[in-house]
Structures are given as C-alpha cells and as structure tokens.
Amino acid sequence: MKINRILLIDDDDDDQLIFRDALRETAHSCECRVASNGLEGLAILNAEKKLPDMIFLDLNMPLMNGVEFLKRIKQHAAYKLIPVIIFTTSNSPDDRENLPKLGANRIITKSADFRQLKEKLLEIFNE
C-alpha cells in the first residue's frame, strides 16, 4: 500500500517527535499531520480535502481518547475505511481483544527502541 498521508493522534510530544523521525527514515515522501487528542483528529479529518491513507492512534489522551475516536470514525461513511493502527503503551489483553472488534487494523506497542519502531513502520507500509 502506498502511504502518502498519515494522521498521528497522540498527546505525548516526545512520542510525536520519535514517530515523525522514524517516519522520515522509512517513508521519506509521506506527509504527517499531528493531533494531540481525538477531538483535534476529528477536526483535521473534517477540514482536509484529502483524507489520510492511515491513522496512528494513541489510546490514553485528554478530551477524547483513542477508543472514543475509533468508535466515532468507524461510524462515519467517509472515514470508516481508513486503516487505523493503535500506537500505545498499553499491553492490556482486553485492548488486544476488543480494539480489532471496534475496527482497529493493528496494534503496536510503543517502544523506546527507535530501530524497532522503524522496523514496525516498514512492516506496516510494506503489507
């Protein structure tokens, strides 16, 4: 799948920076918009003329968390087909079981290992 546009929804500035750096090294021409919570993510989706090819979504955020955002976009005709990758620190078995049922395409656990993040991104982009 050719990925030209990504929407990253994550409230942690450090995680945003690391993700963007890894993205730059794995998908050079990919545009990445960033939102700090689900409400900002919805605002970006509603304002953009071209939808993202993929959304990377944290779970624990203020105002609107990742689960609420996921439920909302999967009910929206224009957004429900956008692949959503959960990008989280959670290792909860409940999340691993329930998030795919809500429409998440994949769950990756955040890691401090930059090389590991790049490998995960390359794996996702090459599917």
N, C-alpha and C. Protein backbone atom coordinates (compact mmCIF):
# COMPACT_ATOMS: atom_id res chain seq x y z
N MET A 1 0.84 -1.18 0.00
CA MET A 1 0.00 0.00 0.00
C MET A 1 0.89 1.25 0.00
N LYS A 2 0.64 2.15 -0.92
CA LYS A 2 1.39 3.40 -0.99
C LYS A 2 0.80 4.37 0.04
N ILE A 3 1.65 4.82 0.94
CA ILE A 3 1.22 5.73 2.01
C ILE A 3 1.77 7.11 1.71
N ASN A 4 0.87 8.05 1.43
CA ASN A 4 1.27 9.43 1.16
C ASN A 4 0.97 10.36 2.32
N ARG A 5 -0.11 10.05 3.06
CA ARG A 5 -0.55 10.91 4.16
C ARG A 5 -0.87 10.08 5.39
N ILE A 6 -0.35 10.53 6.52
CA ILE A 6 -0.62 9.88 7.80
C ILE A 6 -1.15 10.92 8.77
N LEU A 7 -2.10 10.49 9.59
CA LEU A 7 -2.55 11.31 10.71
C LEU A 7 -2.11 10.59 11.97
N LEU A 8 -1.29 11.24 12.77
CA LEU A 8 -0.85 10.72 14.07
C LEU A 8 -1.65 11.45 15.14
N ILE A 9 -2.32 10.68 15.99
CA ILE A 9 -3.08 11.28 17.08
C ILE A 9 -2.47 10.76 18.38
N ASP A 10 -1.74 11.65 19.06
CA ASP A 10 -1.00 11.28 20.26
C ASP A 10 -0.73 12.55 21.06
N ASP A 11 -0.97 12.51 22.35
CA ASP A 11 -0.81 13.71 23.18
C ASP A 11 0.60 13.89 23.73
N ASP A 12 1.48 12.91 23.54
CA ASP A 12 2.83 12.99 24.08
C ASP A 12 3.79 13.59 23.05
N ASP A 13 4.36 14.75 23.36
CA ASP A 13 5.26 15.45 22.44
C ASP A 13 6.47 14.59 22.06
N ASP A 14 7.04 13.87 23.03
CA ASP A 14 8.21 13.04 22.74
C ASP A 14 7.85 11.90 21.79
N ASP A 15 6.70 11.28 22.02
CA ASP A 15 6.27 10.20 21.13
C ASP A 15 5.99 10.73 19.72
N GLN A 16 5.44 11.93 19.64
CA GLN A 16 5.21 12.55 18.32
C GLN A 16 6.53 12.75 17.60
N LEU A 17 7.53 13.26 18.30
CA LEU A 17 8.84 13.52 17.70
C LEU A 17 9.51 12.23 17.23
N ILE A 18 9.52 11.23 18.09
CA ILE A 18 10.13 9.95 17.73
C ILE A 18 9.42 9.32 16.54
N PHE A 19 8.09 9.36 16.55
CA PHE A 19 7.33 8.79 15.44
C PHE A 19 7.66 9.51 14.14
N ARG A 20 7.67 10.84 14.17
CA ARG A 20 7.96 11.60 12.95
C ARG A 20 9.37 11.34 12.45
N ASP A 21 10.33 11.23 13.36
CA ASP A 21 11.71 10.91 12.95
C ASP A 21 11.78 9.53 12.30
N ALA A 22 11.11 8.55 12.91
CA ALA A 22 11.11 7.19 12.34
C ALA A 22 10.40 7.19 10.99
N LEU A 23 9.34 7.95 10.90
CA LEU A 23 8.59 8.03 9.64
C LEU A 23 9.46 8.64 8.54
N ARG A 24 10.20 9.68 8.89
CA ARG A 24 11.08 10.34 7.92
C ARG A 24 12.12 9.36 7.37
N GLU A 25 12.57 8.45 8.22
CA GLU A 25 13.59 7.49 7.79
C GLU A 25 13.01 6.27 7.07
N THR A 26 11.69 6.10 7.12
CA THR A 26 11.10 4.93 6.48
C THR A 26 10.21 5.28 5.29
N ALA A 27 9.62 6.46 5.31
CA ALA A 27 8.71 6.88 4.23
C ALA A 27 8.98 8.35 3.91
N HIS A 28 10.05 8.60 3.21
CA HIS A 28 10.57 9.95 3.00
C HIS A 28 9.55 10.95 2.47
N SER A 29 8.70 10.53 1.59
CA SER A 29 7.79 11.49 0.96
C SER A 29 6.42 11.55 1.63
N CYS A 30 6.28 10.89 2.75
CA CYS A 30 4.99 10.82 3.44
C CYS A 30 4.75 12.09 4.27
N GLU A 31 3.56 12.65 4.12
CA GLU A 31 3.15 13.81 4.91
C GLU A 31 2.51 13.31 6.20
N CYS A 32 2.86 13.93 7.32
CA CYS A 32 2.31 13.51 8.61
C CYS A 32 1.70 14.70 9.32
N ARG A 33 0.39 14.64 9.52
CA ARG A 33 -0.31 15.64 10.34
C ARG A 33 -0.40 15.08 11.75
N VAL A 34 -0.40 15.96 12.74
CA VAL A 34 -0.42 15.52 14.13
C VAL A 34 -1.54 16.21 14.89
N ALA A 35 -2.25 15.42 15.68
CA ALA A 35 -3.28 15.93 16.58
C ALA A 35 -2.95 15.43 17.99
N SER A 36 -3.31 16.20 18.99
CA SER A 36 -2.98 15.84 20.38
C SER A 36 -4.09 15.10 21.11
N ASN A 37 -5.24 14.94 20.46
CA ASN A 37 -6.34 14.17 21.04
C ASN A 37 -7.35 13.86 19.94
N GLY A 38 -8.33 13.07 20.27
CA GLY A 38 -9.32 12.66 19.28
C GLY A 38 -10.12 13.81 18.70
N LEU A 39 -10.44 14.81 19.53
CA LEU A 39 -11.19 15.96 19.01
C LEU A 39 -10.41 16.71 17.94
N GLU A 40 -9.11 16.90 18.19
CA GLU A 40 -8.26 17.55 17.17
C GLU A 40 -8.16 16.68 15.93
N GLY A 41 -8.08 15.37 16.13
CA GLY A 41 -8.03 14.46 15.00
C GLY A 41 -9.27 14.55 14.13
N LEU A 42 -10.44 14.61 14.76
CA LEU A 42 -11.69 14.78 14.00
C LEU A 42 -11.71 16.11 13.26
N ALA A 43 -11.22 17.16 13.92
CA ALA A 43 -11.19 18.48 13.28
C ALA A 43 -10.31 18.45 12.03
N ILE A 44 -9.17 17.77 12.11
CA ILE A 44 -8.28 17.65 10.95
C ILE A 44 -8.97 16.87 9.84
N LEU A 45 -9.60 15.74 10.18
CA LEU A 45 -10.30 14.96 9.16
C LEU A 45 -11.39 15.77 8.49
N ASN A 46 -12.13 16.52 9.26
CA ASN A 46 -13.23 17.32 8.72
C ASN A 46 -12.75 18.49 7.87
N ALA A 47 -11.54 18.99 8.14
CA ALA A 47 -11.02 20.16 7.42
C ALA A 47 -10.24 19.79 6.16
N GLU A 48 -9.72 18.58 6.09
CA GLU A 48 -8.85 18.19 4.98
C GLU A 48 -9.65 17.84 3.74
N LYS A 49 -9.14 18.23 2.60
CA LYS A 49 -9.75 17.82 1.32
C LYS A 49 -9.33 16.40 0.97
N LYS A 50 -8.11 16.03 1.31
CA LYS A 50 -7.61 14.68 1.06
C LYS A 50 -7.45 13.98 2.40
N LEU A 51 -8.09 12.84 2.52
CA LEU A 51 -8.03 12.07 3.76
C LEU A 51 -6.68 11.37 3.90
N PRO A 52 -6.29 11.07 5.13
CA PRO A 52 -5.04 10.32 5.31
C PRO A 52 -5.20 8.90 4.80
N ASP A 53 -4.09 8.31 4.41
CA ASP A 53 -4.08 6.92 3.97
C ASP A 53 -4.09 5.98 5.17
N MET A 54 -3.68 6.51 6.33
CA MET A 54 -3.59 5.70 7.53
C MET A 54 -3.59 6.61 8.75
N ILE A 55 -4.16 6.11 9.85
CA ILE A 55 -4.17 6.84 11.11
C ILE A 55 -3.43 6.01 12.15
N PHE A 56 -2.51 6.64 12.86
CA PHE A 56 -1.84 6.04 14.01
C PHE A 56 -2.44 6.71 15.23
N LEU A 57 -2.96 5.90 16.15
CA LEU A 57 -3.80 6.41 17.22
C LEU A 57 -3.36 5.91 18.59
N ASP A 58 -3.06 6.85 19.47
CA ASP A 58 -2.79 6.53 20.87
C ASP A 58 -4.13 6.30 21.56
N LEU A 59 -4.12 5.61 22.69
CA LEU A 59 -5.36 5.35 23.40
C LEU A 59 -5.63 6.35 24.52
N ASN A 60 -4.62 6.64 25.32
CA ASN A 60 -4.81 7.46 26.51
C ASN A 60 -4.50 8.91 26.22
N MET A 61 -5.56 9.70 26.01
CA MET A 61 -5.42 11.12 25.70
C MET A 61 -6.54 11.89 26.38
N PRO A 62 -6.33 13.18 26.60
CA PRO A 62 -7.40 14.01 27.19
C PRO A 62 -8.47 14.36 26.16
N LEU A 63 -9.57 14.85 26.61
CA LEU A 63 -10.71 15.35 25.82
C LEU A 63 -11.45 14.26 25.06
N MET A 64 -10.77 13.55 24.19
CA MET A 64 -11.36 12.39 23.52
C MET A 64 -10.25 11.35 23.35
N ASN A 65 -10.43 10.21 24.02
CA ASN A 65 -9.38 9.20 23.96
C ASN A 65 -9.45 8.41 22.65
N GLY A 66 -8.51 7.50 22.48
CA GLY A 66 -8.42 6.76 21.23
C GLY A 66 -9.60 5.85 20.96
N VAL A 67 -10.14 5.22 21.99
CA VAL A 67 -11.29 4.34 21.80
C VAL A 67 -12.50 5.14 21.32
N GLU A 68 -12.74 6.28 21.95
CA GLU A 68 -13.86 7.13 21.53
C GLU A 68 -13.68 7.60 20.09
N PHE A 69 -12.45 8.00 19.74
CA PHE A 69 -12.17 8.44 18.37
C PHE A 69 -12.41 7.30 17.38
N LEU A 70 -11.90 6.12 17.70
CA LEU A 70 -12.05 4.96 16.83
C LEU A 70 -13.53 4.64 16.59
N LYS A 71 -14.30 4.61 17.66
CA LYS A 71 -15.74 4.35 17.52
C LYS A 71 -16.40 5.40 16.63
N ARG A 72 -16.03 6.65 16.82
CA ARG A 72 -16.65 7.74 16.06
C ARG A 72 -16.34 7.64 14.58
N ILE A 73 -15.06 7.42 14.22
CA ILE A 73 -14.75 7.41 12.78
C ILE A 73 -15.26 6.15 12.09
N LYS A 74 -15.35 5.05 12.80
CA LYS A 74 -15.83 3.82 12.17
C LYS A 74 -17.34 3.87 11.91
N GLN A 75 -18.03 4.88 12.46
CA GLN A 75 -19.45 5.09 12.18
C GLN A 75 -19.65 6.10 11.05
N HIS A 76 -18.58 6.73 10.60
CA HIS A 76 -18.65 7.78 9.59
C HIS A 76 -18.33 7.20 8.22
N ALA A 77 -19.23 7.35 7.28
CA ALA A 77 -19.07 6.74 5.96
C ALA A 77 -17.76 7.12 5.27
N ALA A 78 -17.34 8.37 5.37
CA ALA A 78 -16.15 8.83 4.66
C ALA A 78 -14.85 8.37 5.34
N TYR A 79 -14.92 8.05 6.62
CA TYR A 79 -13.70 7.74 7.38
C TYR A 79 -13.53 6.27 7.74
N LYS A 80 -14.59 5.49 7.66
CA LYS A 80 -14.54 4.14 8.21
C LYS A 80 -13.57 3.21 7.49
N LEU A 81 -13.20 3.52 6.25
CA LEU A 81 -12.28 2.65 5.53
C LEU A 81 -10.80 3.01 5.72
N ILE A 82 -10.54 4.11 6.42
CA ILE A 82 -9.14 4.49 6.68
C ILE A 82 -8.55 3.49 7.68
N PRO A 83 -7.45 2.83 7.34
CA PRO A 83 -6.82 1.90 8.29
C PRO A 83 -6.35 2.65 9.55
N VAL A 84 -6.63 2.05 10.70
CA VAL A 84 -6.23 2.64 11.98
C VAL A 84 -5.29 1.68 12.69
N ILE A 85 -4.10 2.20 12.99
CA ILE A 85 -3.09 1.46 13.72
C ILE A 85 -3.05 2.03 15.13
N ILE A 86 -3.34 1.21 16.12
CA ILE A 86 -3.25 1.67 17.50
C ILE A 86 -1.78 1.70 17.88
N PHE A 87 -1.34 2.84 18.39
CA PHE A 87 0.06 3.10 18.74
C PHE A 87 0.06 3.47 20.22
N THR A 88 0.31 2.50 21.10
CA THR A 88 0.05 2.69 22.52
C THR A 88 1.08 2.03 23.42
N THR A 89 1.11 2.45 24.66
CA THR A 89 1.94 1.80 25.67
C THR A 89 1.18 0.66 26.34
N SER A 90 -0.10 0.56 26.09
CA SER A 90 -0.94 -0.45 26.73
C SER A 90 -0.60 -1.86 26.24
N ASN A 91 -0.48 -2.76 27.19
CA ASN A 91 -0.32 -4.18 26.87
C ASN A 91 -1.54 -4.97 27.35
N SER A 92 -2.63 -4.28 27.55
CA SER A 92 -3.84 -4.89 28.09
C SER A 92 -4.39 -5.97 27.16
N PRO A 93 -4.62 -7.17 27.68
CA PRO A 93 -5.25 -8.21 26.87
C PRO A 93 -6.64 -7.80 26.40
N ASP A 94 -7.36 -7.02 27.21
CA ASP A 94 -8.68 -6.54 26.80
C ASP A 94 -8.57 -5.66 25.56
N ASP A 95 -7.57 -4.76 25.54
CA ASP A 95 -7.37 -3.90 24.37
C ASP A 95 -7.06 -4.76 23.15
N ARG A 96 -6.19 -5.74 23.30
CA ARG A 96 -5.79 -6.60 22.18
C ARG A 96 -6.99 -7.37 21.63
N GLU A 97 -7.93 -7.68 22.50
CA GLU A 97 -9.12 -8.42 22.06
C GLU A 97 -10.20 -7.50 21.50
N ASN A 98 -10.42 -6.36 22.16
CA ASN A 98 -11.57 -5.51 21.81
C ASN A 98 -11.31 -4.50 20.70
N LEU A 99 -10.11 -3.97 20.60
CA LEU A 99 -9.85 -2.93 19.61
C LEU A 99 -10.05 -3.41 18.17
N PRO A 100 -9.62 -4.62 17.80
CA PRO A 100 -9.93 -5.08 16.44
C PRO A 100 -11.44 -5.18 16.18
N LYS A 101 -12.21 -5.52 17.20
CA LYS A 101 -13.66 -5.58 17.05
C LYS A 101 -14.26 -4.21 16.79
N LEU A 102 -13.57 -3.16 17.27
CA LEU A 102 -14.04 -1.79 17.05
C LEU A 102 -13.56 -1.22 15.71
N GLY A 103 -12.67 -1.95 15.03
CA GLY A 103 -12.22 -1.51 13.72
C GLY A 103 -10.74 -1.21 13.60
N ALA A 104 -9.97 -1.41 14.67
CA ALA A 104 -8.53 -1.20 14.58
C ALA A 104 -7.92 -2.28 13.69
N ASN A 105 -7.04 -1.87 12.79
CA ASN A 105 -6.42 -2.82 11.88
C ASN A 105 -5.22 -3.53 12.48
N ARG A 106 -4.58 -2.85 13.43
CA ARG A 106 -3.37 -3.41 14.03
C ARG A 106 -3.07 -2.67 15.32
N ILE A 107 -2.36 -3.31 16.22
CA ILE A 107 -1.94 -2.68 17.47
C ILE A 107 -0.44 -2.84 17.57
N ILE A 108 0.26 -1.72 17.74
CA ILE A 108 1.70 -1.80 18.00
C ILE A 108 1.98 -1.10 19.33
N THR A 109 2.87 -1.70 20.08
CA THR A 109 3.23 -1.16 21.38
C THR A 109 4.38 -0.19 21.22
N LYS A 110 4.23 0.97 21.85
CA LYS A 110 5.31 1.97 21.80
C LYS A 110 6.54 1.39 22.48
N SER A 111 7.68 1.75 21.92
CA SER A 111 8.95 1.28 22.44
C SER A 111 9.95 2.43 22.42
N ALA A 112 10.86 2.40 23.36
CA ALA A 112 11.93 3.40 23.37
C ALA A 112 12.99 3.08 22.33
N ASP A 113 12.90 1.91 21.73
CA ASP A 113 13.87 1.46 20.73
C ASP A 113 13.50 2.03 19.36
N PHE A 114 14.24 3.03 18.92
CA PHE A 114 13.97 3.73 17.67
C PHE A 114 14.05 2.77 16.47
N ARG A 115 15.03 1.91 16.47
CA ARG A 115 15.20 0.95 15.37
C ARG A 115 13.98 0.02 15.28
N GLN A 116 13.47 -0.40 16.43
CA GLN A 116 12.31 -1.28 16.45
C GLN A 116 11.07 -0.57 15.88
N LEU A 117 10.90 0.70 16.20
CA LEU A 117 9.78 1.47 15.65
C LEU A 117 9.90 1.56 14.14
N LYS A 118 11.09 1.85 13.64
CA LYS A 118 11.28 1.91 12.19
C LYS A 118 10.95 0.58 11.53
N GLU A 119 11.36 -0.52 12.14
CA GLU A 119 11.06 -1.85 11.59
C GLU A 119 9.56 -2.10 11.56
N LYS A 120 8.85 -1.69 12.61
CA LYS A 120 7.39 -1.87 12.65
C LYS A 120 6.72 -1.03 11.56
N LEU A 121 7.20 0.20 11.38
CA LEU A 121 6.62 1.06 10.34
C LEU A 121 6.87 0.46 8.96
N LEU A 122 8.07 0.01 8.71
CA LEU A 122 8.37 -0.60 7.41
C LEU A 122 7.50 -1.83 7.16
N GLU A 123 7.30 -2.61 8.19
CA GLU A 123 6.45 -3.81 8.07
C GLU A 123 5.02 -3.40 7.70
N ILE A 124 4.50 -2.39 8.36
CA ILE A 124 3.14 -1.92 8.09
C ILE A 124 3.04 -1.36 6.67
N PHE A 125 4.01 -0.54 6.27
CA PHE A 125 3.96 0.10 4.96
C PHE A 125 4.15 -0.89 3.82
N ASN A 126 4.79 -2.01 4.08
CA ASN A 126 5.06 -3.00 3.04
C ASN A 126 4.02 -4.11 2.97
N GLU A 127 2.98 -4.02 3.75
CA GLU A 127 1.91 -5.05 3.71
C GLU A 127 1.10 -4.93 2.45
